[in-house]
Amino acid sequence: MSFFKKLKEKFTSSTDSVSGKFKDGLEKTRNNFSEKVNDLVSRYRKVDEDFFEELEEILIQADVGFETVMHLVEELKMEVKKQNIKNPEDVTSVISEKLVEIYEAGEQSSTLLNLQTDALTVILFVGVNGVGKTTTIGKLAYKFKEEGKKVVLAAGDTFRAGAIEQLEVWGDRVGVDVIKQAEGSDPAAVMYDAVQAAQARKADILLCDTAGRLQNKVNLMKELEKVKRVIEREVPGAPHEVLLVLDATTGQNALIQAKTFKEATDVSGIVLSKLDGTAKGGIVLAIRNELHIPVKFVGLGEKMDDLQAFDPEKYVYGLFANSIEEANE
């Protein structure tokens, strides 16, 4: 059974609404990427070097990343030779399988959150201004509340005008408490208050916003280090996750930001926002393969429940949904 048929059996015949969200959310990337692959396949009668060269260009244009593309194409060449594939149409299914394998290869770090079962879980959010950090925090708070968890938010971005108010709007919308101080306050002091409040209110999860200024990386690093020290002092072992929020629509710029924040702090996972707004969703693979940081959540739309836990197979299903659904039984 081809990989396409396995995905078809797994997702199209199920009542899994999440796979539908990946399909809808990746529509722009799918229309851009899989249509180009289909066009490539239709123009070639055999799988040769020219075929692979054009495939490289398509993958690079989808922001899969140069290193990842070179690795993927080499893997494809070996697989085509191994399976003695002659028909270009048969390569599409192999591409999808290799994309999943590449994502899952390397450092085995979980896409699941490190949630504490019997104590407060502290999750720190980092990222530059404008990437959708506050919206991500609000949507994740909604997700946790729907799961029956008690959530508190910490308004640690005390420098950006309107940041505290924006988080408060989300707190009101979701129905969770927001711990804040005045604009311009010390973010570490806000975190101290937030931890005390979360513990006093017997919260399960504390979601912490931080400033996103990259103009002076040294100051950013010092600020994040101070925030983390305060959190760890009050909750040993915390923060349990440091999630970097990146805007998928910025493509390779997102990769540059990820490298900067990886140098500044111990990023444990990526949240890729606005994935539904880009035709270059291959950035997911570039981030995973070049930085070895797992993508833990992806933003697939504007609705409250459109922030979804990342799943490599559902991602590939979203990329190739049309071809998968047309696959012969």
C-alpha atoms as a PDB file:
ATOM      1  CA  MET A   1       0.000   0.000   0.000  1.00  0.00           C
ATOM      2  CA  SER A   2       1.402   3.415  -0.978  1.00  0.00           C
ATOM      3  CA  PHE A   3       1.883   6.121   1.646  1.00  0.00           C
ATOM      4  CA  PHE A   4      -0.888   8.164  -0.034  1.00  0.00           C
ATOM      5  CA  LYS A   5      -3.328   5.291   0.391  1.00  0.00           C
ATOM      6  CA  LYS A   6      -2.321   4.882   4.047  1.00  0.00           C
ATOM      7  CA  LEU A   7      -3.008   8.575   4.691  1.00  0.00           C
ATOM      8  CA  LYS A   8      -6.293   8.355   2.771  1.00  0.00           C
ATOM      9  CA  GLU A   9      -7.386   5.398   4.885  1.00  0.00           C
ATOM     10  CA  LYS A  10      -6.286   7.148   8.086  1.00  0.00           C
ATOM     11  CA  PHE A  11      -7.797  10.602   7.523  1.00  0.00           C
ATOM     12  CA  THR A  12     -10.405  10.830   4.761  1.00  0.00           C
ATOM     13  CA  SER A  13     -12.579   8.012   6.074  1.00  0.00           C
ATOM     14  CA  SER A  14     -12.423   9.167   9.707  1.00  0.00           C
ATOM     15  CA  THR A  15     -14.456  11.713  11.641  1.00  0.00           C
ATOM     16  CA  ASP A  16     -11.230  13.454  12.664  1.00  0.00           C
ATOM     17  CA  SER A  17     -12.045  17.169  12.340  1.00  0.00           C
ATOM     18  CA  VAL A  18      -8.410  18.113  13.045  1.00  0.00           C
ATOM     19  CA  SER A  19      -7.184  16.609   9.750  1.00  0.00           C
ATOM     20  CA  GLY A  20      -9.843  18.791   8.069  1.00  0.00           C
ATOM     21  CA  LYS A  21      -8.364  21.839   9.788  1.00  0.00           C
ATOM     22  CA  PHE A  22      -4.924  20.969   8.405  1.00  0.00           C
ATOM     23  CA  LYS A  23      -6.457  20.515   4.954  1.00  0.00           C
ATOM     24  CA  ASP A  24      -8.240  23.889   5.095  1.00  0.00           C
ATOM     25  CA  GLY A  25      -5.369  25.718   6.794  1.00  0.00           C
ATOM     26  CA  LEU A  26      -2.766  24.550   4.282  1.00  0.00           C
ATOM     27  CA  GLU A  27      -4.878  25.372   1.228  1.00  0.00           C
ATOM     28  CA  LYS A  28      -2.602  28.207   0.027  1.00  0.00           C
ATOM     29  CA  THR A  29       0.534  26.092   0.374  1.00  0.00           C
ATOM     30  CA  ARG A  30      -1.181  23.095  -1.219  1.00  0.00           C
ATOM     31  CA  ASN A  31      -2.395  25.125  -4.188  1.00  0.00           C
ATOM     32  CA  ASN A  32       1.108  26.522  -4.661  1.00  0.00           C
ATOM     33  CA  PHE A  33       3.163  23.419  -3.899  1.00  0.00           C
ATOM     34  CA  SER A  34       1.195  20.353  -4.967  1.00  0.00           C
ATOM     35  CA  GLU A  35      -0.057  22.001  -8.155  1.00  0.00           C
ATOM     36  CA  LYS A  36       3.555  22.655  -9.170  1.00  0.00           C
ATOM     37  CA  VAL A  37       4.474  19.054  -8.305  1.00  0.00           C
ATOM     38  CA  ASN A  38       1.497  17.755 -10.324  1.00  0.00           C
ATOM     39  CA  ASP A  39       2.501  19.947 -13.254  1.00  0.00           C
ATOM     40  CA  LEU A  40       6.068  18.647 -13.004  1.00  0.00           C
ATOM     41  CA  VAL A  41       4.875  15.041 -12.935  1.00  0.00           C
ATOM     42  CA  SER A  42       2.622  15.560 -15.960  1.00  0.00           C
ATOM     43  CA  ARG A  43       5.449  17.029 -18.063  1.00  0.00           C
ATOM     44  CA  TYR A  44       7.930  14.200 -17.563  1.00  0.00           C
ATOM     45  CA  ARG A  45       7.742  10.688 -18.950  1.00  0.00           C
ATOM     46  CA  LYS A  46      10.639   9.418 -16.869  1.00  0.00           C
ATOM     47  CA  VAL A  47      12.316  10.208 -13.553  1.00  0.00           C
ATOM     48  CA  ASP A  48      15.683  11.676 -14.527  1.00  0.00           C
ATOM     49  CA  GLU A  49      18.158  14.329 -13.344  1.00  0.00           C
ATOM     50  CA  ASP A  50      16.175  17.145 -14.982  1.00  0.00           C
ATOM     51  CA  PHE A  51      13.072  16.007 -13.089  1.00  0.00           C
ATOM     52  CA  PHE A  52      14.922  16.188  -9.770  1.00  0.00           C
ATOM     53  CA  GLU A  53      16.404  19.602 -10.588  1.00  0.00           C
ATOM     54  CA  GLU A  54      12.949  21.063 -11.186  1.00  0.00           C
ATOM     55  CA  LEU A  55      11.681  19.400  -8.016  1.00  0.00           C
ATOM     56  CA  GLU A  56      14.507  21.075  -6.071  1.00  0.00           C
ATOM     57  CA  GLU A  57      13.361  24.491  -7.328  1.00  0.00           C
ATOM     58  CA  ILE A  58       9.739  23.812  -6.332  1.00  0.00           C
ATOM     59  CA  LEU A  59      10.771  22.756  -2.820  1.00  0.00           C
ATOM     60  CA  ILE A  60      13.062  25.781  -2.361  1.00  0.00           C
ATOM     61  CA  GLN A  61      10.249  28.114  -3.509  1.00  0.00           C
ATOM     62  CA  ALA A  62       8.023  26.546  -0.831  1.00  0.00           C
ATOM     63  CA  ASP A  63      10.621  27.653   1.782  1.00  0.00           C
ATOM     64  CA  VAL A  64      11.545  24.092   2.698  1.00  0.00           C
ATOM     65  CA  GLY A  65      15.116  25.371   3.077  1.00  0.00           C
ATOM     66  CA  PHE A  66      18.214  24.661   0.974  1.00  0.00           C
ATOM     67  CA  GLU A  67      19.832  22.129   3.322  1.00  0.00           C
ATOM     68  CA  THR A  68      16.564  20.250   3.791  1.00  0.00           C
ATOM     69  CA  VAL A  69      15.867  20.216   0.044  1.00  0.00           C
ATOM     70  CA  MET A  70      19.299  18.775  -0.776  1.00  0.00           C
ATOM     71  CA  HIS A  71      18.849  16.073   1.858  1.00  0.00           C
ATOM     72  CA  LEU A  72      15.295  15.293   0.717  1.00  0.00           C
ATOM     73  CA  VAL A  73      16.204  15.027  -2.981  1.00  0.00           C
ATOM     74  CA  GLU A  74      19.132  12.701  -2.215  1.00  0.00           C
ATOM     75  CA  GLU A  75      16.782  10.500  -0.175  1.00  0.00           C
ATOM     76  CA  LEU A  76      14.275  10.519  -3.040  1.00  0.00           C
ATOM     77  CA  LYS A  77      16.894   9.521  -5.584  1.00  0.00           C
ATOM     78  CA  MET A  78      17.917   6.546  -3.464  1.00  0.00           C
ATOM     79  CA  GLU A  79      14.299   5.511  -2.895  1.00  0.00           C
ATOM     80  CA  VAL A  80      13.438   5.804  -6.600  1.00  0.00           C
ATOM     81  CA  LYS A  81      16.422   3.606  -7.438  1.00  0.00           C
ATOM     82  CA  LYS A  82      15.594   1.141  -4.670  1.00  0.00           C
ATOM     83  CA  GLN A  83      11.947   0.775  -5.749  1.00  0.00           C
ATOM     84  CA  ASN A  84      12.896   0.944  -9.455  1.00  0.00           C
ATOM     85  CA  ILE A  85      10.338   3.717 -10.004  1.00  0.00           C
ATOM     86  CA  LYS A  86      10.021   4.729 -13.648  1.00  0.00           C
ATOM     87  CA  ASN A  87       6.718   6.625 -13.669  1.00  0.00           C
ATOM     88  CA  PRO A  88       6.968  10.219 -12.316  1.00  0.00           C
ATOM     89  CA  GLU A  89       3.411   9.925 -10.924  1.00  0.00           C
ATOM     90  CA  ASP A  90       4.637   7.325  -8.444  1.00  0.00           C
ATOM     91  CA  VAL A  91       7.205   9.776  -7.024  1.00  0.00           C
ATOM     92  CA  THR A  92       4.568  12.059  -5.419  1.00  0.00           C
ATOM     93  CA  SER A  93       3.636   9.478  -2.794  1.00  0.00           C
ATOM     94  CA  VAL A  94       7.326   8.874  -2.031  1.00  0.00           C
ATOM     95  CA  ILE A  95       7.861  12.646  -1.589  1.00  0.00           C
ATOM     96  CA  SER A  96       5.100  12.781   1.043  1.00  0.00           C
ATOM     97  CA  GLU A  97       6.540   9.796   2.901  1.00  0.00           C
ATOM     98  CA  LYS A  98      10.038  11.291   2.918  1.00  0.00           C
ATOM     99  CA  LEU A  99       8.719  14.640   4.218  1.00  0.00           C
ATOM    100  CA  VAL A 100       7.288  12.858   7.277  1.00  0.00           C
ATOM    101  CA  GLU A 101      10.494  10.855   7.737  1.00  0.00           C
ATOM    102  CA  ILE A 102      12.670  13.984   7.539  1.00  0.00           C
ATOM    103  CA  TYR A 103      10.530  15.755  10.120  1.00  0.00           C
ATOM    104  CA  GLU A 104      10.633  12.809  12.507  1.00  0.00           C
ATOM    105  CA  ALA A 105      14.344  12.040  11.987  1.00  0.00           C
ATOM    106  CA  GLY A 106      17.247  13.476  13.951  1.00  0.00           C
ATOM    107  CA  GLU A 107      16.850  14.529  17.542  1.00  0.00           C
ATOM    108  CA  GLN A 108      13.816  12.814  18.968  1.00  0.00           C
ATOM    109  CA  SER A 109      12.092  15.659  20.780  1.00  0.00           C
ATOM    110  CA  SER A 110       8.414  15.386  21.496  1.00  0.00           C
ATOM    111  CA  THR A 111       5.757  17.595  19.952  1.00  0.00           C
ATOM    112  CA  LEU A 112       3.819  17.159  23.216  1.00  0.00           C
ATOM    113  CA  LEU A 113       3.962  19.804  25.935  1.00  0.00           C
ATOM    114  CA  ASN A 114       5.794  19.074  29.171  1.00  0.00           C
ATOM    115  CA  LEU A 115       2.745  19.479  31.415  1.00  0.00           C
ATOM    116  CA  GLN A 116       3.082  18.808  35.153  1.00  0.00           C
ATOM    117  CA  THR A 117       0.476  16.449  36.568  1.00  0.00           C
ATOM    118  CA  ASP A 118       0.639  17.449  40.218  1.00  0.00           C
ATOM    119  CA  ALA A 119       2.040  20.994  40.222  1.00  0.00           C
ATOM    120  CA  LEU A 120       1.866  24.315  38.406  1.00  0.00           C
ATOM    121  CA  THR A 121       3.049  24.207  34.772  1.00  0.00           C
ATOM    122  CA  VAL A 122       4.763  27.420  33.638  1.00  0.00           C
ATOM    123  CA  ILE A 123       5.003  28.106  29.897  1.00  0.00           C
ATOM    124  CA  LEU A 124       7.074  31.073  28.704  1.00  0.00           C
ATOM    125  CA  PHE A 125       6.333  32.616  25.297  1.00  0.00           C
ATOM    126  CA  VAL A 126       9.013  34.481  23.337  1.00  0.00           C
ATOM    127  CA  GLY A 127       9.073  36.069  19.890  1.00  0.00           C
ATOM    128  CA  VAL A 128       9.300  39.430  18.136  1.00  0.00           C
ATOM    129  CA  ASN A 129       6.415  41.887  18.091  1.00  0.00           C
ATOM    130  CA  GLY A 130       3.724  41.267  15.502  1.00  0.00           C
ATOM    131  CA  VAL A 131       4.082  37.504  15.124  1.00  0.00           C
ATOM    132  CA  GLY A 132       0.820  36.692  16.907  1.00  0.00           C
ATOM    133  CA  LYS A 133       2.306  35.888  20.326  1.00  0.00           C
ATOM    134  CA  THR A 134      -0.557  37.326  22.405  1.00  0.00           C
ATOM    135  CA  THR A 135      -3.177  35.722  20.160  1.00  0.00           C
ATOM    136  CA  THR A 136      -1.379  32.387  20.494  1.00  0.00           C
ATOM    137  CA  ILE A 137      -1.403  32.700  24.297  1.00  0.00           C
ATOM    138  CA  GLY A 138      -5.139  33.468  24.235  1.00  0.00           C
ATOM    139  CA  LYS A 139      -5.946  30.518  21.983  1.00  0.00           C
ATOM    140  CA  LEU A 140      -3.813  28.150  24.042  1.00  0.00           C
ATOM    141  CA  ALA A 141      -5.545  29.391  27.204  1.00  0.00           C
ATOM    142  CA  TYR A 142      -8.869  28.586  25.525  1.00  0.00           C
ATOM    143  CA  LYS A 143      -7.628  25.083  24.594  1.00  0.00           C
ATOM    144  CA  PHE A 144      -6.497  24.349  28.163  1.00  0.00           C
ATOM    145  CA  LYS A 145      -9.708  25.734  29.676  1.00  0.00           C
ATOM    146  CA  GLU A 146     -11.771  23.520  27.350  1.00  0.00           C
ATOM    147  CA  GLU A 147      -9.757  20.585  28.705  1.00  0.00           C
ATOM    148  CA  GLY A 148     -10.870  21.529  32.220  1.00  0.00           C
ATOM    149  CA  LYS A 149      -7.640  23.139  33.377  1.00  0.00           C
ATOM    150  CA  LYS A 150      -7.403  26.334  35.433  1.00  0.00           C
ATOM    151  CA  VAL A 151      -5.275  28.899  33.581  1.00  0.00           C
ATOM    152  CA  VAL A 152      -3.665  32.209  34.569  1.00  0.00           C
ATOM    153  CA  LEU A 153      -1.982  34.663  32.176  1.00  0.00           C
ATOM    154  CA  ALA A 154       1.039  36.850  32.974  1.00  0.00           C
ATOM    155  CA  ALA A 155       1.313  40.185  31.109  1.00  0.00           C
ATOM    156  CA  GLY A 156       5.121  40.270  30.942  1.00  0.00           C
ATOM    157  CA  ASP A 157       5.335  42.384  27.776  1.00  0.00           C
ATOM    158  CA  THR A 158       5.382  45.669  29.681  1.00  0.00           C
ATOM    159  CA  PHE A 159       7.092  47.729  26.976  1.00  0.00           C
ATOM    160  CA  ARG A 160       4.945  47.469  23.852  1.00  0.00           C
ATOM    161  CA  ALA A 161       2.093  49.981  23.930  1.00  0.00           C
ATOM    162  CA  GLY A 162      -1.230  48.184  24.268  1.00  0.00           C
ATOM    163  CA  ALA A 163       0.300  44.754  24.927  1.00  0.00           C
ATOM    164  CA  ILE A 164      -1.140  44.460  28.443  1.00  0.00           C
ATOM    165  CA  GLU A 165      -4.598  45.561  27.293  1.00  0.00           C
ATOM    166  CA  GLN A 166      -4.479  43.104  24.391  1.00  0.00           C
ATOM    167  CA  LEU A 167      -3.762  40.219  26.764  1.00  0.00           C
ATOM    168  CA  GLU A 168      -6.573  41.409  29.047  1.00  0.00           C
ATOM    169  CA  VAL A 169      -8.997  41.285  26.110  1.00  0.00           C
ATOM    170  CA  TRP A 170      -8.042  37.662  25.564  1.00  0.00           C
ATOM    171  CA  GLY A 171      -8.354  36.955  29.284  1.00  0.00           C
ATOM    172  CA  ASP A 172     -11.907  38.333  29.269  1.00  0.00           C
ATOM    173  CA  ARG A 173     -12.778  36.446  26.092  1.00  0.00           C
ATOM    174  CA  VAL A 174     -11.529  33.113  27.408  1.00  0.00           C
ATOM    175  CA  GLY A 175     -12.567  33.733  31.018  1.00  0.00           C
ATOM    176  CA  VAL A 176      -9.183  33.504  32.738  1.00  0.00           C
ATOM    177  CA  ASP A 177      -7.300  35.810  35.141  1.00  0.00           C
ATOM    178  CA  VAL A 178      -4.551  38.130  33.878  1.00  0.00           C
ATOM    179  CA  ILE A 179      -1.800  39.238  36.265  1.00  0.00           C
ATOM    180  CA  LYS A 180      -0.347  42.633  35.312  1.00  0.00           C
ATOM    181  CA  GLN A 181       1.464  45.747  36.493  1.00  0.00           C
ATOM    182  CA  ALA A 182       1.698  49.209  34.971  1.00  0.00           C
ATOM    183  CA  GLU A 183       3.170  49.712  31.513  1.00  0.00           C
ATOM    184  CA  GLY A 184       6.980  49.983  31.733  1.00  0.00           C
ATOM    185  CA  SER A 185       7.210  47.821  34.871  1.00  0.00           C
ATOM    186  CA  ASP A 186       9.980  45.255  35.385  1.00  0.00           C
ATOM    187  CA  PRO A 187       8.841  42.053  33.559  1.00  0.00           C
ATOM    188  CA  ALA A 188      10.546  39.882  36.191  1.00  0.00           C
ATOM    189  CA  ALA A 189       8.431  41.543  38.907  1.00  0.00           C
ATOM    190  CA  VAL A 190       5.298  40.743  36.899  1.00  0.00           C
ATOM    191  CA  MET A 191       6.381  37.104  36.670  1.00  0.00           C
ATOM    192  CA  TYR A 192       6.946  36.951  40.425  1.00  0.00           C
ATOM    193  CA  ASP A 193       3.432  38.288  41.071  1.00  0.00           C
ATOM    194  CA  ALA A 194       1.970  35.935  38.458  1.00  0.00           C
ATOM    195  CA  VAL A 195       3.587  32.820  39.963  1.00  0.00           C
ATOM    196  CA  GLN A 196       2.377  33.802  43.453  1.00  0.00           C
ATOM    197  CA  ALA A 197      -1.148  34.429  42.148  1.00  0.00           C
ATOM    198  CA  ALA A 198      -1.252  31.211  40.109  1.00  0.00           C
ATOM    199  CA  GLN A 199      -0.146  29.152  43.102  1.00  0.00           C
ATOM    200  CA  ALA A 200      -2.563  30.909  45.478  1.00  0.00           C
ATOM    201  CA  ARG A 201      -5.453  30.280  43.044  1.00  0.00           C
ATOM    202  CA  LYS A 202      -4.375  26.652  42.573  1.00  0.00           C
ATOM    203  CA  ALA A 203      -3.987  27.117  38.825  1.00  0.00           C
ATOM    204  CA  ASP A 204      -2.823  24.247  36.637  1.00  0.00           C
ATOM    205  CA  ILE A 205      -1.071  26.362  34.010  1.00  0.00           C
ATOM    206  CA  LEU A 206       0.570  29.800  33.924  1.00  0.00           C
ATOM    207  CA  LEU A 207       1.090  31.260  30.434  1.00  0.00           C
ATOM    208  CA  CYS A 208       3.672  34.063  30.396  1.00  0.00           C
ATOM    209  CA  ASP A 209       3.950  36.772  27.734  1.00  0.00           C
ATOM    210  CA  THR A 210       7.319  38.523  27.241  1.00  0.00           C
ATOM    211  CA  ALA A 211       8.668  41.524  25.341  1.00  0.00           C
ATOM    212  CA  GLY A 212       9.645  40.986  21.723  1.00  0.00           C
ATOM    213  CA  ARG A 213      12.311  43.595  21.092  1.00  0.00           C
ATOM    214  CA  LEU A 214      15.195  42.405  18.938  1.00  0.00           C
ATOM    215  CA  GLN A 215      16.896  45.757  18.357  1.00  0.00           C
ATOM    216  CA  ASN A 216      19.336  45.039  21.157  1.00  0.00           C
ATOM    217  CA  LYS A 217      19.872  41.290  21.485  1.00  0.00           C
ATOM    218  CA  VAL A 218      22.056  41.663  24.591  1.00  0.00           C
ATOM    219  CA  ASN A 219      19.270  43.446  26.495  1.00  0.00           C
ATOM    220  CA  LEU A 220      16.734  40.882  25.303  1.00  0.00           C
ATOM    221  CA  MET A 221      18.924  38.016  26.518  1.00  0.00           C
ATOM    222  CA  LYS A 222      19.476  39.657  29.902  1.00  0.00           C
ATOM    223  CA  GLU A 223      15.760  40.329  30.291  1.00  0.00           C
ATOM    224  CA  LEU A 224      14.763  36.757  29.409  1.00  0.00           C
ATOM    225  CA  GLU A 225      17.452  35.339  31.681  1.00  0.00           C
ATOM    226  CA  LYS A 226      16.188  37.471  34.581  1.00  0.00           C
ATOM    227  CA  VAL A 227      12.571  36.417  33.945  1.00  0.00           C
ATOM    228  CA  LYS A 228      13.587  32.753  33.826  1.00  0.00           C
ATOM    229  CA  ARG A 229      15.630  33.066  37.047  1.00  0.00           C
ATOM    230  CA  VAL A 230      12.653  34.503  38.924  1.00  0.00           C
ATOM    231  CA  ILE A 231      10.331  31.786  37.628  1.00  0.00           C
ATOM    232  CA  GLU A 232      12.794  29.004  38.438  1.00  0.00           C
ATOM    233  CA  ARG A 233      13.388  30.365  41.930  1.00  0.00           C
ATOM    234  CA  GLU A 234       9.662  30.290  42.676  1.00  0.00           C
ATOM    235  CA  VAL A 235       8.878  27.046  40.791  1.00  0.00           C
ATOM    236  CA  PRO A 236      11.908  24.700  40.670  1.00  0.00           C
ATOM    237  CA  GLY A 237      12.282  23.173  37.206  1.00  0.00           C
ATOM    238  CA  ALA A 238      10.235  25.937  35.561  1.00  0.00           C
ATOM    239  CA  PRO A 239       9.663  27.220  32.965  1.00  0.00           C
ATOM    240  CA  HIS A 240       8.596  23.789  31.752  1.00  0.00           C
ATOM    241  CA  GLU A 241       8.344  25.020  28.161  1.00  0.00           C
ATOM    242  CA  VAL A 242       9.819  28.010  26.322  1.00  0.00           C
ATOM    243  CA  LEU A 243       7.726  28.389  23.171  1.00  0.00           C
ATOM    244  CA  LEU A 244       8.973  30.612  20.364  1.00  0.00           C
ATOM    245  CA  VAL A 245       6.147  32.086  18.284  1.00  0.00           C
ATOM    246  CA  LEU A 246       7.039  32.646  14.623  1.00  0.00           C
ATOM    247  CA  ASP A 247       4.949  34.137  11.818  1.00  0.00           C
ATOM    248  CA  ALA A 248       4.843  31.570   8.987  1.00  0.00           C
ATOM    249  CA  THR A 249       4.139  34.283   6.414  1.00  0.00           C
ATOM    250  CA  THR A 250       7.645  35.743   6.942  1.00  0.00           C
ATOM    251  CA  GLY A 251       9.287  32.587   5.537  1.00  0.00           C
ATOM    252  CA  GLN A 252      13.063  32.579   5.845  1.00  0.00           C
ATOM    253  CA  ASN A 253      12.931  35.594   8.199  1.00  0.00           C
ATOM    254  CA  ALA A 254      11.193  33.289  10.680  1.00  0.00           C
ATOM    255  CA  LEU A 255      14.181  30.967  10.461  1.00  0.00           C
ATOM    256  CA  ILE A 256      16.569  33.861  11.213  1.00  0.00           C
ATOM    257  CA  GLN A 257      14.440  34.873  14.229  1.00  0.00           C
ATOM    258  CA  ALA A 258      14.435  31.281  15.457  1.00  0.00           C
ATOM    259  CA  LYS A 259      18.233  31.150  15.322  1.00  0.00           C
ATOM    260  CA  THR A 260      18.486  34.433  17.266  1.00  0.00           C
ATOM    261  CA  PHE A 261      16.128  33.322  20.017  1.00  0.00           C
ATOM    262  CA  LYS A 262      17.743  29.901  20.194  1.00  0.00           C
ATOM    263  CA  GLU A 263      20.998  31.726  21.038  1.00  0.00           C
ATOM    264  CA  ALA A 264      19.230  33.939  23.591  1.00  0.00           C
ATOM    265  CA  THR A 265      17.244  31.317  25.494  1.00  0.00           C
ATOM    266  CA  ASP A 266      16.513  27.597  25.724  1.00  0.00           C
ATOM    267  CA  VAL A 267      13.676  27.298  23.220  1.00  0.00           C
ATOM    268  CA  SER A 268      11.905  23.957  23.676  1.00  0.00           C
ATOM    269  CA  GLY A 269       9.335  24.289  20.916  1.00  0.00           C
ATOM    270  CA  ILE A 270       7.988  26.418  18.077  1.00  0.00           C
ATOM    271  CA  VAL A 271       4.492  27.787  17.568  1.00  0.00           C
ATOM    272  CA  LEU A 272       4.089  28.635  13.885  1.00  0.00           C
ATOM    273  CA  SER A 273       1.311  31.198  13.616  1.00  0.00           C
ATOM    274  CA  LYS A 274      -0.561  32.239  10.453  1.00  0.00           C
ATOM    275  CA  LEU A 275       0.318  29.043   8.562  1.00  0.00           C
ATOM    276  CA  ASP A 276      -3.023  29.409   6.787  1.00  0.00           C
ATOM    277  CA  GLY A 277      -1.917  32.816   5.453  1.00  0.00           C
ATOM    278  CA  THR A 278       1.146  31.653   3.514  1.00  0.00           C
ATOM    279  CA  ALA A 279       1.784  29.717   0.321  1.00  0.00           C
ATOM    280  CA  LYS A 280       5.209  28.744   1.698  1.00  0.00           C
ATOM    281  CA  GLY A 281       4.280  26.264   4.429  1.00  0.00           C
ATOM    282  CA  GLY A 282       7.471  24.313   3.800  1.00  0.00           C
ATOM    283  CA  ILE A 283       9.075  26.525   6.469  1.00  0.00           C
ATOM    284  CA  VAL A 284       7.853  23.923   9.006  1.00  0.00           C
ATOM    285  CA  LEU A 285      10.394  21.451   7.635  1.00  0.00           C
ATOM    286  CA  ALA A 286      13.207  23.995   7.396  1.00  0.00           C
ATOM    287  CA  ILE A 287      12.789  24.944  11.075  1.00  0.00           C
ATOM    288  CA  ARG A 288      12.683  21.333  12.249  1.00  0.00           C
ATOM    289  CA  ASN A 289      15.544  20.074  10.111  1.00  0.00           C
ATOM    290  CA  GLU A 290      17.943  23.023  10.468  1.00  0.00           C
ATOM    291  CA  LEU A 291      17.321  23.990  14.097  1.00  0.00           C
ATOM    292  CA  HIS A 292      16.279  20.638  15.595  1.00  0.00           C
ATOM    293  CA  ILE A 293      13.462  22.298  17.516  1.00  0.00           C
ATOM    294  CA  PRO A 294      10.044  20.627  17.283  1.00  0.00           C
ATOM    295  CA  VAL A 295       7.058  22.579  15.976  1.00  0.00           C
ATOM    296  CA  LYS A 296       4.509  22.033  18.766  1.00  0.00           C
ATOM    297  CA  PHE A 297       1.564  24.099  17.505  1.00  0.00           C
ATOM    298  CA  VAL A 298       0.459  25.661  14.224  1.00  0.00           C
ATOM    299  CA  GLY A 299      -2.073  28.435  13.595  1.00  0.00           C
ATOM    300  CA  LEU A 300      -4.517  27.295  10.919  1.00  0.00           C
ATOM    301  CA  GLY A 301      -7.095  30.106  10.992  1.00  0.00           C
ATOM    302  CA  GLU A 302      -8.739  32.921  12.913  1.00  0.00           C
ATOM    303  CA  LYS A 303     -11.135  30.868  15.079  1.00  0.00           C
ATOM    304  CA  MET A 304     -10.483  30.194  18.751  1.00  0.00           C
ATOM    305  CA  ASP A 305      -9.892  26.470  18.133  1.00  0.00           C
ATOM    306  CA  ASP A 306      -7.692  26.927  15.043  1.00  0.00           C
ATOM    307  CA  LEU A 307      -4.454  26.638  17.040  1.00  0.00           C
ATOM    308  CA  GLN A 308      -3.672  22.944  16.621  1.00  0.00           C
ATOM    309  CA  ALA A 309      -1.032  20.592  17.987  1.00  0.00           C
ATOM    310  CA  PHE A 310       1.377  19.837  15.151  1.00  0.00           C
ATOM    311  CA  ASP A 311       1.266  16.375  13.584  1.00  0.00           C
ATOM    312  CA  PRO A 312       3.667  15.522  10.701  1.00  0.00           C
ATOM    313  CA  GLU A 313       1.228  13.124   9.000  1.00  0.00           C
ATOM    314  CA  LYS A 314      -1.673  15.593   9.185  1.00  0.00           C
ATOM    315  CA  TYR A 315       0.668  18.270   7.847  1.00  0.00           C
ATOM    316  CA  VAL A 316       1.575  16.133   4.826  1.00  0.00           C
ATOM    317  CA  TYR A 317      -2.100  15.228   4.390  1.00  0.00           C
ATOM    318  CA  GLY A 318      -2.823  18.982   4.248  1.00  0.00           C
ATOM    319  CA  LEU A 319      -0.084  19.451   1.635  1.00  0.00           C
ATOM    320  CA  PHE A 320      -1.285  16.652  -0.653  1.00  0.00           C
ATOM    321  CA  ALA A 321      -4.992  16.321   0.295  1.00  0.00           C
ATOM    322  CA  ASN A 322      -6.277  16.522  -3.283  1.00  0.00           C
ATOM    323  CA  SER A 323      -3.900  13.843  -4.575  1.00  0.00           C
ATOM    324  CA  ILE A 324      -4.436  11.661  -1.503  1.00  0.00           C
ATOM    325  CA  GLU A 325      -8.215  11.751  -1.855  1.00  0.00           C
ATOM    326  CA  GLU A 326      -7.906  10.852  -5.551  1.00  0.00           C
ATOM    327  CA  ALA A 327      -5.562   7.920  -4.808  1.00  0.00           C
ATOM    328  CA  ASN A 328      -6.870   4.569  -6.088  1.00  0.00           C
ATOM    329  CA  GLU A 329      -7.960   2.039  -3.510  1.00  0.00           C
END
